[in-house]
Amino acid sequence: MFIASGPRWHRELADKARDLGLLSLPVFELFIELLSFRHFFVHAYSSEIYTERVQEIMTDVPMLYEKFMDDVVKFLE
């Protein structure tokens, strides 16, 4: 059984899901983009947050969820 741990566990889990065929490449790439943004947001205490980019990310999240669920259904079939 694969159990991701450590500071890169989100990325390791996404890589494993992609390798197993659970995540399609477009969903994986969008997830990694959102993960990178999350990392920047969490660790950039003194950086200015760009509202336009946050709004772009927010519009991507529902689409990511929908595509992720499609991938899960395909994987389980």
Protein backbone atom coordinates (compact mmCIF):
# COMPACT_ATOMS: atom_id res chain seq x y z
CA MET A 1 0.00 0.00 0.00
CA PHE A 2 1.28 3.47 -0.89
CA ILE A 3 1.22 6.07 1.87
CA ALA A 4 2.62 9.48 1.02
CA SER A 5 4.30 11.40 3.81
CA GLY A 6 6.63 14.31 4.39
CA PRO A 7 6.53 17.82 3.02
CA ARG A 8 5.84 16.67 -0.55
CA TRP A 9 3.02 14.25 0.25
CA HIS A 10 0.46 16.14 -1.87
CA ARG A 11 2.72 15.90 -4.92
CA GLU A 12 3.65 12.26 -4.25
CA LEU A 13 -0.01 11.33 -3.94
CA ALA A 14 -0.86 13.13 -7.19
CA ASP A 15 2.05 11.41 -8.97
CA LYS A 16 0.88 8.01 -7.74
CA ALA A 17 -2.73 8.72 -8.77
CA ARG A 18 -1.52 9.71 -12.24
CA ASP A 19 0.71 6.62 -12.49
CA LEU A 20 -2.22 4.37 -11.54
CA GLY A 21 -4.47 5.99 -14.13
CA LEU A 22 -6.77 7.62 -11.60
CA LEU A 23 -5.91 11.15 -12.77
CA SER A 24 -5.89 12.08 -16.42
CA LEU A 25 -3.01 14.26 -17.56
CA PRO A 26 -5.13 17.46 -17.82
CA VAL A 27 -6.51 16.97 -14.30
CA PHE A 28 -3.05 16.16 -12.95
CA GLU A 29 -1.55 19.28 -14.54
CA LEU A 30 -4.31 21.53 -13.20
CA PHE A 31 -3.98 19.97 -9.76
CA ILE A 32 -0.22 20.60 -9.76
CA GLU A 33 -0.81 24.21 -10.81
CA LEU A 34 -3.25 24.70 -7.94
CA LEU A 35 -0.89 22.93 -5.56
CA SER A 36 1.94 25.26 -6.58
CA PHE A 37 -0.28 28.28 -6.02
CA ARG A 38 -1.28 26.96 -2.60
CA HIS A 39 2.37 26.48 -1.68
CA PHE A 40 3.20 30.05 -2.74
CA PHE A 41 0.17 31.46 -0.94
CA VAL A 42 0.99 29.64 2.31
CA HIS A 43 4.68 30.53 2.30
CA ALA A 44 4.68 34.06 0.85
CA TYR A 45 3.88 35.95 4.01
CA SER A 46 5.27 39.26 2.86
CA SER A 47 4.37 39.05 -0.82
CA GLU A 48 1.54 40.97 -2.33
CA ILE A 49 -1.38 38.77 -3.30
CA TYR A 50 -2.64 39.42 -6.80
CA THR A 51 -6.41 39.39 -6.77
CA GLU A 52 -6.67 38.59 -10.46
CA ARG A 53 -4.66 35.39 -10.01
CA VAL A 54 -6.70 34.36 -6.98
CA GLN A 55 -9.88 34.86 -9.00
CA GLU A 56 -8.46 32.76 -11.86
CA ILE A 57 -7.60 29.99 -9.43
CA MET A 58 -11.05 30.18 -7.85
CA THR A 59 -12.72 29.70 -11.24
CA ASP A 60 -10.50 26.65 -11.91
CA VAL A 61 -11.44 24.81 -8.73
CA PRO A 62 -15.04 23.83 -9.66
CA MET A 63 -13.81 22.68 -13.09
CA LEU A 64 -11.04 20.65 -11.46
CA TYR A 65 -13.55 19.00 -9.13
CA GLU A 66 -15.87 18.10 -12.00
CA LYS A 67 -13.05 16.68 -14.13
CA PHE A 68 -11.62 14.84 -11.12
CA MET A 69 -14.97 13.17 -10.47
CA ASP A 70 -15.16 12.18 -14.15
CA ASP A 71 -11.71 10.60 -13.82
CA VAL A 72 -12.76 8.71 -10.68
CA VAL A 73 -15.87 7.32 -12.39
CA LYS A 74 -13.80 6.22 -15.43
CA PHE A 75 -11.22 4.65 -13.14
CA LEU A 76 -13.86 2.66 -11.24
CA GLU A 77 -15.60 1.34 -14.37
